[in-house]
C-alpha atoms as a PDB file:
ATOM      1  CA  UNK A   1     -23.342  12.187  21.060  1.00  0.00           C
ATOM      2  CA  UNK A   2     -20.417   9.771  21.527  1.00  0.00           C
ATOM      3  CA  UNK A   3     -19.909   7.060  18.935  1.00  0.00           C
ATOM      4  CA  UNK A   4     -20.076   4.379  21.632  1.00  0.00           C
ATOM      5  CA  UNK A   5     -23.547   5.627  22.567  1.00  0.00           C
ATOM      6  CA  UNK A   6     -24.634   5.651  18.935  1.00  0.00           C
ATOM      7  CA  UNK A   7     -23.444   2.064  18.523  1.00  0.00           C
ATOM      8  CA  UNK A   8     -25.546   1.001  21.514  1.00  0.00           C
ATOM      9  CA  UNK A   9     -28.564   2.816  20.121  1.00  0.00           C
ATOM     10  CA  UNK A  10     -28.077   1.104  16.759  1.00  0.00           C
ATOM     11  CA  UNK A  11     -27.710  -2.323  18.390  1.00  0.00           C
ATOM     12  CA  UNK A  12     -31.039  -1.833  20.149  1.00  0.00           C
ATOM     13  CA  UNK A  13     -32.715  -0.116  17.200  1.00  0.00           C
ATOM     14  CA  UNK A  14     -31.077  -1.145  13.874  1.00  0.00           C
ATOM     15  CA  UNK A  15     -33.189   1.333  11.936  1.00  0.00           C
ATOM     16  CA  UNK A  16     -32.320   3.453   8.930  1.00  0.00           C
ATOM     17  CA  UNK A  17     -32.207   6.603  11.057  1.00  0.00           C
ATOM     18  CA  UNK A  18     -29.905   5.082  13.665  1.00  0.00           C
ATOM     19  CA  UNK A  19     -27.648   3.671  10.981  1.00  0.00           C
ATOM     20  CA  UNK A  20     -27.325   7.037   9.242  1.00  0.00           C
ATOM     21  CA  UNK A  21     -26.522   8.833  12.483  1.00  0.00           C
ATOM     22  CA  UNK A  22     -23.834   6.300  13.344  1.00  0.00           C
ATOM     23  CA  UNK A  23     -22.307   6.268   9.866  1.00  0.00           C
ATOM     24  CA  UNK A  24     -22.139  10.080   9.698  1.00  0.00           C
ATOM     25  CA  UNK A  25     -20.529  10.211  13.138  1.00  0.00           C
ATOM     26  CA  UNK A  26     -17.924   7.637  12.096  1.00  0.00           C
ATOM     27  CA  UNK A  27     -17.131   9.636   8.955  1.00  0.00           C
ATOM     28  CA  UNK A  28     -16.735  12.817  11.024  1.00  0.00           C
ATOM     29  CA  UNK A  29     -14.402  10.837  13.303  1.00  0.00           C
ATOM     30  CA  UNK A  30     -12.426   9.703  10.205  1.00  0.00           C
ATOM     31  CA  UNK A  31     -13.173   6.052  10.996  1.00  0.00           C
ATOM     32  CA  UNK A  32     -13.940   5.382   7.343  1.00  0.00           C
ATOM     33  CA  UNK A  33     -13.674   1.604   7.373  1.00  0.00           C
ATOM     34  CA  UNK A  34     -16.160   1.230  10.231  1.00  0.00           C
ATOM     35  CA  UNK A  35     -18.452   3.722   8.486  1.00  0.00           C
ATOM     36  CA  UNK A  36     -18.419   1.558   5.355  1.00  0.00           C
ATOM     37  CA  UNK A  37     -19.067  -1.640   7.301  1.00  0.00           C
ATOM     38  CA  UNK A  38     -22.129  -0.174   9.011  1.00  0.00           C
ATOM     39  CA  UNK A  39     -23.298   1.436   5.769  1.00  0.00           C
ATOM     40  CA  UNK A  40     -23.168  -1.906   3.968  1.00  0.00           C
ATOM     41  CA  UNK A  41     -25.599  -3.330   6.519  1.00  0.00           C
ATOM     42  CA  UNK A  42     -28.253  -0.927   5.194  1.00  0.00           C
ATOM     43  CA  UNK A  43     -26.884  -0.295   1.708  1.00  0.00           C
ATOM     44  CA  UNK A  44     -30.313  -0.061   0.062  1.00  0.00           C
ATOM     45  CA  UNK A  45     -31.237   2.829   2.364  1.00  0.00           C
ATOM     46  CA  UNK A  46     -28.394   4.866   0.882  1.00  0.00           C
ATOM     47  CA  UNK A  47     -29.988   4.843  -2.555  1.00  0.00           C
ATOM     48  CA  UNK A  48     -33.315   6.460  -1.666  1.00  0.00           C
ATOM     49  CA  UNK A  49     -32.185  10.096  -1.779  1.00  0.00           C
ATOM     50  CA  UNK A  50     -29.455  12.173  -3.387  1.00  0.00           C
ATOM     51  CA  UNK A  51     -28.005  13.113   0.008  1.00  0.00           C
ATOM     52  CA  UNK A  52     -27.689   9.510   1.129  1.00  0.00           C
ATOM     53  CA  UNK A  53     -26.392   8.379  -2.256  1.00  0.00           C
ATOM     54  CA  UNK A  54     -23.753  11.118  -2.131  1.00  0.00           C
ATOM     55  CA  UNK A  55     -22.695   9.960   1.341  1.00  0.00           C
ATOM     56  CA  UNK A  56     -22.430   6.372   0.117  1.00  0.00           C
ATOM     57  CA  UNK A  57     -20.198   7.316  -2.818  1.00  0.00           C
ATOM     58  CA  UNK A  58     -18.090   9.503  -0.533  1.00  0.00           C
ATOM     59  CA  UNK A  59     -17.549   6.639   1.911  1.00  0.00           C
ATOM     60  CA  UNK A  60     -16.461   4.297  -0.866  1.00  0.00           C
ATOM     61  CA  UNK A  61     -14.062   6.981  -2.054  1.00  0.00           C
ATOM     62  CA  UNK A  62     -12.679   7.667   1.427  1.00  0.00           C
ATOM     63  CA  UNK A  63     -11.945   3.934   1.716  1.00  0.00           C
ATOM     64  CA  UNK A  64     -10.125   4.140  -1.639  1.00  0.00           C
ATOM     65  CA  UNK A  65     -12.727   1.860  -3.232  1.00  0.00           C
ATOM     66  CA  UNK A  66     -12.427   4.009  -6.336  1.00  0.00           C
ATOM     67  CA  UNK A  67     -13.753   1.501  -8.845  1.00  0.00           C
ATOM     68  CA  UNK A  68     -16.891   0.794  -6.841  1.00  0.00           C
ATOM     69  CA  UNK A  69     -17.472   4.515  -6.351  1.00  0.00           C
ATOM     70  CA  UNK A  70     -17.059   5.240 -10.074  1.00  0.00           C
ATOM     71  CA  UNK A  71     -19.434   2.424 -11.030  1.00  0.00           C
ATOM     72  CA  UNK A  72     -22.082   3.862  -8.713  1.00  0.00           C
ATOM     73  CA  UNK A  73     -21.601   7.353 -10.149  1.00  0.00           C
ATOM     74  CA  UNK A  74     -22.025   5.947 -13.663  1.00  0.00           C
ATOM     75  CA  UNK A  75     -25.358   4.430 -12.623  1.00  0.00           C
ATOM     76  CA  UNK A  76     -26.884   7.845 -11.840  1.00  0.00           C
ATOM     77  CA  UNK A  77     -29.402   9.019 -14.460  1.00  0.00           C
ATOM     78  CA  UNK A  78     -29.669  12.640 -13.340  1.00  0.00           C
ATOM     79  CA  UNK A  79     -26.971  14.418 -15.335  1.00  0.00           C
ATOM     80  CA  UNK A  80     -26.589  17.384 -12.978  1.00  0.00           C
ATOM     81  CA  UNK A  81     -26.322  15.183  -9.891  1.00  0.00           C
ATOM     82  CA  UNK A  82     -23.921  12.816 -11.671  1.00  0.00           C
ATOM     83  CA  UNK A  83     -21.652  15.758 -12.572  1.00  0.00           C
ATOM     84  CA  UNK A  84     -21.661  16.911  -8.945  1.00  0.00           C
ATOM     85  CA  UNK A  85     -20.732  13.428  -7.743  1.00  0.00           C
ATOM     86  CA  UNK A  86     -18.066  13.086 -10.424  1.00  0.00           C
ATOM     87  CA  UNK A  87     -16.424  16.390  -9.534  1.00  0.00           C
ATOM     88  CA  UNK A  88     -16.240  15.483  -5.837  1.00  0.00           C
ATOM     89  CA  UNK A  89     -14.914  12.039  -6.712  1.00  0.00           C
ATOM     90  CA  UNK A  90     -12.285  13.440  -9.075  1.00  0.00           C
ATOM     91  CA  UNK A  91     -10.942  15.725  -6.347  1.00  0.00           C
ATOM     92  CA  UNK A  92     -10.712  12.853  -3.861  1.00  0.00           C
ATOM     93  CA  UNK A  93      -9.066  10.599  -6.416  1.00  0.00           C
ATOM     94  CA  UNK A  94      -6.495  13.249  -7.402  1.00  0.00           C
ATOM     95  CA  UNK A  95      -5.524  13.724  -3.762  1.00  0.00           C
ATOM     96  CA  UNK A  96      -4.886   9.989  -3.450  1.00  0.00           C
ATOM     97  CA  UNK A  97      -2.886   9.890  -6.694  1.00  0.00           C
ATOM     98  CA  UNK A  98      -0.694  12.762  -5.542  1.00  0.00           C
ATOM     99  CA  UNK A  99      -0.072  11.300  -2.080  1.00  0.00           C
ATOM    100  CA  UNK A 100       0.354   7.585  -2.874  1.00  0.00           C
ATOM    101  CA  UNK A 101       2.324   7.300  -6.161  1.00  0.00           C
ATOM    102  CA  UNK A 102       4.461   4.319  -5.121  1.00  0.00           C
ATOM    103  CA  UNK A 103       1.519   2.326  -3.760  1.00  0.00           C
ATOM    104  CA  UNK A 104      -0.499   3.010  -6.898  1.00  0.00           C
ATOM    105  CA  UNK A 105       2.358   2.052  -9.201  1.00  0.00           C
ATOM    106  CA  UNK A 106       2.875  -1.255  -7.366  1.00  0.00           C
ATOM    107  CA  UNK A 107      -0.813  -2.196  -7.546  1.00  0.00           C
ATOM    108  CA  UNK A 108      -1.041  -1.219 -11.203  1.00  0.00           C
ATOM    109  CA  UNK A 109       2.045  -3.258 -12.136  1.00  0.00           C
ATOM    110  CA  UNK A 110       0.683  -6.252 -10.210  1.00  0.00           C
ATOM    111  CA  UNK A 111      -2.509  -6.030 -12.245  1.00  0.00           C
ATOM    112  CA  UNK A 112      -0.697  -5.437 -15.528  1.00  0.00           C
ATOM    113  CA  UNK A 113       1.492  -8.534 -15.029  1.00  0.00           C
ATOM    114  CA  UNK A 114      -1.153 -10.667 -13.337  1.00  0.00           C
ATOM    115  CA  UNK A 115      -0.954 -13.437 -15.940  1.00  0.00           C
ATOM    116  CA  UNK A 116       2.248 -14.886 -14.515  1.00  0.00           C
ATOM    117  CA  UNK A 117       0.708 -15.612 -11.121  1.00  0.00           C
ATOM    118  CA  UNK A 118      -1.172 -18.653  -9.836  1.00  0.00           C
ATOM    119  CA  UNK A 119      -4.971 -18.387  -9.614  1.00  0.00           C
ATOM    120  CA  UNK A 120      -5.184 -17.565  -5.863  1.00  0.00           C
ATOM    121  CA  UNK A 121      -2.678 -14.750  -6.388  1.00  0.00           C
ATOM    122  CA  UNK A 122      -4.572 -13.510  -9.454  1.00  0.00           C
ATOM    123  CA  UNK A 123      -7.764 -13.439  -7.385  1.00  0.00           C
ATOM    124  CA  UNK A 124      -6.005 -11.480  -4.637  1.00  0.00           C
ATOM    125  CA  UNK A 125      -4.623  -8.985  -7.146  1.00  0.00           C
ATOM    126  CA  UNK A 126      -8.076  -8.521  -8.663  1.00  0.00           C
ATOM    127  CA  UNK A 127      -9.511  -7.691  -5.237  1.00  0.00           C
ATOM    128  CA  UNK A 128      -6.707  -5.266  -4.392  1.00  0.00           C
ATOM    129  CA  UNK A 129      -6.914  -3.575  -7.786  1.00  0.00           C
ATOM    130  CA  UNK A 130     -10.414  -2.312  -6.986  1.00  0.00           C
ATOM    131  CA  UNK A 131      -8.625   0.254  -4.796  1.00  0.00           C
ATOM    132  CA  UNK A 132      -6.737   1.678  -7.754  1.00  0.00           C
ATOM    133  CA  UNK A 133      -7.681   5.077  -9.156  1.00  0.00           C
ATOM    134  CA  UNK A 134      -9.789   4.537 -12.252  1.00  0.00           C
ATOM    135  CA  UNK A 135      -7.162   5.533 -14.896  1.00  0.00           C
ATOM    136  CA  UNK A 136      -4.576   3.236 -13.303  1.00  0.00           C
ATOM    137  CA  UNK A 137      -7.077   0.380 -13.101  1.00  0.00           C
ATOM    138  CA  UNK A 138      -7.922   0.725 -16.780  1.00  0.00           C
ATOM    139  CA  UNK A 139      -4.239   0.789 -17.806  1.00  0.00           C
ATOM    140  CA  UNK A 140      -3.473  -2.238 -15.634  1.00  0.00           C
ATOM    141  CA  UNK A 141      -6.512  -4.115 -16.917  1.00  0.00           C
ATOM    142  CA  UNK A 142      -5.485  -3.498 -20.521  1.00  0.00           C
ATOM    143  CA  UNK A 143      -2.122  -5.115 -19.870  1.00  0.00           C
ATOM    144  CA  UNK A 144      -3.706  -8.045 -18.036  1.00  0.00           C
ATOM    145  CA  UNK A 145      -6.257  -8.707 -20.776  1.00  0.00           C
ATOM    146  CA  UNK A 146      -3.541  -8.923 -23.410  1.00  0.00           C
ATOM    147  CA  UNK A 147      -1.755 -11.671 -21.450  1.00  0.00           C
ATOM    148  CA  UNK A 148      -2.245 -15.199 -22.880  1.00  0.00           C
ATOM    149  CA  UNK A 149      -1.744 -16.704 -19.393  1.00  0.00           C
ATOM    150  CA  UNK A 150      -4.629 -14.872 -17.760  1.00  0.00           C
ATOM    151  CA  UNK A 151      -7.182 -17.286 -16.300  1.00  0.00           C
ATOM    152  CA  UNK A 152     -10.533 -17.122 -18.146  1.00  0.00           C
ATOM    153  CA  UNK A 153     -12.465 -16.347 -14.958  1.00  0.00           C
ATOM    154  CA  UNK A 154     -10.152 -13.414 -14.250  1.00  0.00           C
ATOM    155  CA  UNK A 155     -10.550 -12.168 -17.824  1.00  0.00           C
ATOM    156  CA  UNK A 156     -14.313 -12.202 -17.397  1.00  0.00           C
ATOM    157  CA  UNK A 157     -14.054 -10.370 -14.068  1.00  0.00           C
ATOM    158  CA  UNK A 158     -11.942  -7.600 -15.592  1.00  0.00           C
ATOM    159  CA  UNK A 159     -14.194  -7.213 -18.611  1.00  0.00           C
ATOM    160  CA  UNK A 160     -17.264  -7.078 -16.410  1.00  0.00           C
ATOM    161  CA  UNK A 161     -15.793  -4.266 -14.313  1.00  0.00           C
ATOM    162  CA  UNK A 162     -14.745  -2.336 -17.431  1.00  0.00           C
ATOM    163  CA  UNK A 163     -18.276  -2.783 -18.766  1.00  0.00           C
ATOM    164  CA  UNK A 164     -19.749  -1.330 -15.568  1.00  0.00           C
ATOM    165  CA  UNK A 165     -17.370   1.615 -15.801  1.00  0.00           C
ATOM    166  CA  UNK A 166     -19.036   2.383 -19.171  1.00  0.00           C
ATOM    167  CA  UNK A 167     -15.952   3.347 -21.137  1.00  0.00           C
ATOM    168  CA  UNK A 168     -16.383   4.118 -24.819  1.00  0.00           C
ATOM    169  CA  UNK A 169     -13.120   2.712 -26.095  1.00  0.00           C
ATOM    170  CA  UNK A 170     -11.631  -0.343 -27.764  1.00  0.00           C
ATOM    171  CA  UNK A 171      -9.212  -2.703 -26.039  1.00  0.00           C
ATOM    172  CA  UNK A 172      -7.290  -5.773 -27.182  1.00  0.00           C
ATOM    173  CA  UNK A 173      -7.833  -9.030 -25.335  1.00  0.00           C
ATOM    174  CA  UNK A 174      -6.098 -12.384 -25.623  1.00  0.00           C
ATOM    175  CA  UNK A 175      -8.916 -14.936 -25.767  1.00  0.00           C
ATOM    176  CA  UNK A 176      -9.303 -18.729 -25.506  1.00  0.00           C
ATOM    177  CA  UNK A 177      -8.136 -19.230 -29.081  1.00  0.00           C
ATOM    178  CA  UNK A 178      -4.804 -17.581 -28.142  1.00  0.00           C
ATOM    179  CA  UNK A 179      -5.554 -14.813 -30.615  1.00  0.00           C
ATOM    180  CA  UNK A 180      -5.819 -11.104 -29.915  1.00  0.00           C
ATOM    181  CA  UNK A 181      -9.285  -9.651 -30.463  1.00  0.00           C
ATOM    182  CA  UNK A 182     -10.334  -5.994 -30.401  1.00  0.00           C
ATOM    183  CA  UNK A 183     -13.348  -5.396 -28.166  1.00  0.00           C
ATOM    184  CA  UNK A 184     -15.586  -2.337 -27.962  1.00  0.00           C
ATOM    185  CA  UNK A 185     -16.160  -1.912 -24.222  1.00  0.00           C
ATOM    186  CA  UNK A 186     -19.260   0.195 -24.758  1.00  0.00           C
ATOM    187  CA  UNK A 187     -20.999  -2.668 -26.564  1.00  0.00           C
ATOM    188  CA  UNK A 188     -20.444  -5.192 -23.791  1.00  0.00           C
ATOM    189  CA  UNK A 189     -23.604  -6.362 -22.031  1.00  0.00           C
ATOM    190  CA  UNK A 190     -24.022  -8.211 -18.724  1.00  0.00           C
ATOM    191  CA  UNK A 191     -23.450 -11.934 -19.107  1.00  0.00           C
ATOM    192  CA  UNK A 192     -27.010 -12.695 -18.025  1.00  0.00           C
ATOM    193  CA  UNK A 193     -28.352 -10.535 -20.875  1.00  0.00           C
ATOM    194  CA  UNK A 194     -26.366 -12.131 -23.693  1.00  0.00           C
ATOM    195  CA  UNK A 195     -28.411 -14.096 -26.220  1.00  0.00           C
ATOM    196  CA  UNK A 196     -26.487 -17.274 -25.410  1.00  0.00           C
ATOM    197  CA  UNK A 197     -27.167 -17.015 -21.666  1.00  0.00           C
ATOM    198  CA  UNK A 198     -30.864 -16.244 -22.148  1.00  0.00           C
ATOM    199  CA  UNK A 199     -31.213 -19.076 -24.667  1.00  0.00           C
ATOM    200  CA  UNK A 200     -29.303 -21.667 -22.647  1.00  0.00           C
ATOM    201  CA  UNK A 201     -31.069 -20.977 -19.367  1.00  0.00           C
ATOM    202  CA  UNK A 202     -34.477 -21.005 -21.035  1.00  0.00           C
ATOM    203  CA  UNK A 203     -33.717 -24.484 -22.386  1.00  0.00           C
ATOM    204  CA  UNK A 204     -32.444 -25.645 -18.997  1.00  0.00           C
ATOM    205  CA  UNK A 205     -35.578 -24.366 -17.285  1.00  0.00           C
ATOM    206  CA  UNK A 206     -37.864 -26.113 -19.763  1.00  0.00           C
ATOM    207  CA  UNK A 207     -36.008 -29.428 -19.648  1.00  0.00           C
ATOM    208  CA  UNK A 208     -34.984 -29.721 -16.007  1.00  0.00           C
ATOM    209  CA  UNK A 209     -36.395 -26.853 -13.968  1.00  0.00           C
ATOM    210  CA  UNK A 210     -39.504 -28.602 -12.684  1.00  0.00           C
ATOM    211  CA  UNK A 211     -38.672 -32.288 -13.120  1.00  0.00           C
ATOM    212  CA  UNK A 212     -35.007 -32.578 -12.106  1.00  0.00           C
ATOM    213  CA  UNK A 213     -33.967 -29.752  -9.751  1.00  0.00           C
ATOM    214  CA  UNK A 214     -30.585 -31.315  -8.888  1.00  0.00           C
ATOM    215  CA  UNK A 215     -29.653 -31.744 -12.541  1.00  0.00           C
ATOM    216  CA  UNK A 216     -30.924 -28.233 -13.214  1.00  0.00           C
ATOM    217  CA  UNK A 217     -28.705 -26.703 -10.517  1.00  0.00           C
ATOM    218  CA  UNK A 218     -25.648 -28.650 -11.688  1.00  0.00           C
ATOM    219  CA  UNK A 219     -26.218 -27.633 -15.280  1.00  0.00           C
ATOM    220  CA  UNK A 220     -26.695 -23.990 -14.280  1.00  0.00           C
ATOM    221  CA  UNK A 221     -23.332 -24.039 -12.481  1.00  0.00           C
ATOM    222  CA  UNK A 222     -21.659 -25.643 -15.489  1.00  0.00           C
ATOM    223  CA  UNK A 223     -23.072 -23.162 -17.985  1.00  0.00           C
ATOM    224  CA  UNK A 224     -22.322 -20.186 -15.756  1.00  0.00           C
ATOM    225  CA  UNK A 225     -18.666 -21.201 -16.044  1.00  0.00           C
ATOM    226  CA  UNK A 226     -18.871 -22.042 -19.755  1.00  0.00           C
ATOM    227  CA  UNK A 227     -20.442 -18.706 -20.655  1.00  0.00           C
ATOM    228  CA  UNK A 228     -18.113 -16.685 -18.412  1.00  0.00           C
ATOM    229  CA  UNK A 229     -15.087 -18.337 -20.024  1.00  0.00           C
ATOM    230  CA  UNK A 230     -16.463 -17.684 -23.520  1.00  0.00           C
ATOM    231  CA  UNK A 231     -17.309 -14.044 -22.754  1.00  0.00           C
ATOM    232  CA  UNK A 232     -17.529 -11.746 -24.677  1.00  0.00           C
ATOM    233  CA  UNK A 233     -17.850 -14.065 -27.708  1.00  0.00           C
ATOM    234  CA  UNK A 234     -20.337 -16.566 -26.317  1.00  0.00           C
ATOM    235  CA  UNK A 235     -23.078 -15.483 -28.704  1.00  0.00           C
ATOM    236  CA  UNK A 236     -20.837 -16.349 -31.659  1.00  0.00           C
ATOM    237  CA  UNK A 237     -19.931 -19.790 -30.269  1.00  0.00           C
ATOM    238  CA  UNK A 238     -23.163 -20.893 -28.572  1.00  0.00           C
ATOM    239  CA  UNK A 239     -25.893 -20.684 -31.185  1.00  0.00           C
ATOM    240  CA  UNK A 240     -27.798 -23.989 -30.959  1.00  0.00           C
ATOM    241  CA  UNK A 241     -28.920 -23.842 -27.331  1.00  0.00           C
ATOM    242  CA  UNK A 242     -30.692 -27.198 -27.276  1.00  0.00           C
ATOM    243  CA  UNK A 243     -27.648 -28.949 -28.746  1.00  0.00           C
ATOM    244  CA  UNK A 244     -25.313 -27.353 -26.202  1.00  0.00           C
ATOM    245  CA  UNK A 245     -27.601 -28.482 -23.368  1.00  0.00           C
ATOM    246  CA  UNK A 246     -27.963 -32.009 -24.775  1.00  0.00           C
ATOM    247  CA  UNK A 247     -24.206 -32.494 -25.151  1.00  0.00           C
ATOM    248  CA  UNK A 248     -23.529 -31.075 -21.677  1.00  0.00           C
ATOM    249  CA  UNK A 249     -26.181 -33.361 -20.185  1.00  0.00           C
ATOM    250  CA  UNK A 250     -24.685 -36.469 -21.758  1.00  0.00           C
ATOM    251  CA  UNK A 251     -21.184 -35.498 -20.633  1.00  0.00           C
ATOM    252  CA  UNK A 252     -22.390 -34.723 -17.115  1.00  0.00           C
ATOM    253  CA  UNK A 253     -23.990 -38.179 -16.908  1.00  0.00           C
ATOM    254  CA  UNK A 254     -20.647 -39.671 -17.901  1.00  0.00           C
ATOM    255  CA  UNK A 255     -21.950 -41.097 -21.152  1.00  0.00           C
ATOM    256  CA  UNK A 256     -19.320 -41.793 -23.779  1.00  0.00           C
ATOM    257  CA  UNK A 257     -20.067 -39.856 -26.938  1.00  0.00           C
ATOM    258  CA  UNK A 258     -19.179 -41.700 -30.110  1.00  0.00           C
ATOM    259  CA  UNK A 259     -17.683 -38.956 -32.238  1.00  0.00           C
ATOM    260  CA  UNK A 260     -18.187 -41.058 -35.349  1.00  0.00           C
ATOM    261  CA  UNK A 261     -21.926 -40.906 -34.762  1.00  0.00           C
ATOM    262  CA  UNK A 262     -22.046 -37.130 -34.289  1.00  0.00           C
ATOM    263  CA  UNK A 263     -22.705 -34.667 -37.086  1.00  0.00           C
ATOM    264  CA  UNK A 264     -20.390 -31.722 -37.632  1.00  0.00           C
ATOM    265  CA  UNK A 265     -22.434 -29.342 -35.462  1.00  0.00           C
ATOM    266  CA  UNK A 266     -22.511 -31.758 -32.525  1.00  0.00           C
ATOM    267  CA  UNK A 267     -18.765 -32.437 -32.890  1.00  0.00           C
ATOM    268  CA  UNK A 268     -18.049 -28.719 -32.762  1.00  0.00           C
ATOM    269  CA  UNK A 269     -20.127 -28.337 -29.590  1.00  0.00           C
ATOM    270  CA  UNK A 270     -18.447 -31.377 -28.040  1.00  0.00           C
ATOM    271  CA  UNK A 271     -15.001 -30.004 -28.863  1.00  0.00           C
ATOM    272  CA  UNK A 272     -15.800 -26.682 -27.217  1.00  0.00           C
ATOM    273  CA  UNK A 273     -17.280 -28.256 -24.096  1.00  0.00           C
ATOM    274  CA  UNK A 274     -14.432 -30.738 -23.763  1.00  0.00           C
ATOM    275  CA  UNK A 275     -11.986 -27.849 -23.981  1.00  0.00           C
ATOM    276  CA  UNK A 276     -13.875 -25.787 -21.409  1.00  0.00           C
ATOM    277  CA  UNK A 277     -14.131 -28.728 -19.024  1.00  0.00           C
ATOM    278  CA  UNK A 278     -10.370 -29.279 -19.279  1.00  0.00           C
ATOM    279  CA  UNK A 279      -9.830 -25.660 -18.247  1.00  0.00           C
ATOM    280  CA  UNK A 280     -12.197 -26.091 -15.312  1.00  0.00           C
ATOM    281  CA  UNK A 281     -10.464 -29.291 -14.190  1.00  0.00           C
ATOM    282  CA  UNK A 282      -7.007 -27.720 -14.508  1.00  0.00           C
ATOM    283  CA  UNK A 283      -7.731 -25.057 -11.896  1.00  0.00           C
ATOM    284  CA  UNK A 284      -9.535 -27.118  -9.269  1.00  0.00           C
END
């Protein structure tokens, strides 16, 4: 059946079956980008069987979305099926490496030296780097994370991707204190599962969740940034969750905090939040 006919069928009946037929036809026709776009419309349907999951990973790979494909392979619990996916992916990735050396080298160097660019350029490089083969992405990310001029949000983004790739290795990162820290990638956890995030958002929910929804939403946005910037050492910095919320609330209201009236713990929290807010303001 012609692809045009399948598109009409899908428009009239946007079902799982119609989507799969169209996506497979587009892959056979080597229209990989269109196949991915239609697949993404029903992405959950591609995770209900090994055959569909394999097709999904293949489409990401054919679009050179190597990092996304590898992350999905890592999520598979069935060891035999994961090995099958990994072998197919490795072959596809090797073909790309052999046929696009100059393109790969340029993207990797852009990522490696990302710290010298302005934030919009750093964000663009981060997006483009997801099309790097996994080894090149890791090498480029290592260089980027050692750069003292890397924006904190970009550092978090890179670390989060490396965490999802599930590498069991140590890397050096240049953190907010301008010092180099060695991080075990395998021990990284999602930001939302860190003790500091769980503790902070529990306090926010208790204090503002039901009584002050606007304040709650504003505070959630603020702490999402704070904790991302502090990652992966937020649990070492944010220990008194109620104090961190109280200081942030007073600062958000515009209240002047008399440092002479604060104890040492409150001063330390204020200093950290003032520093984080300055970073946020500097990139608006």
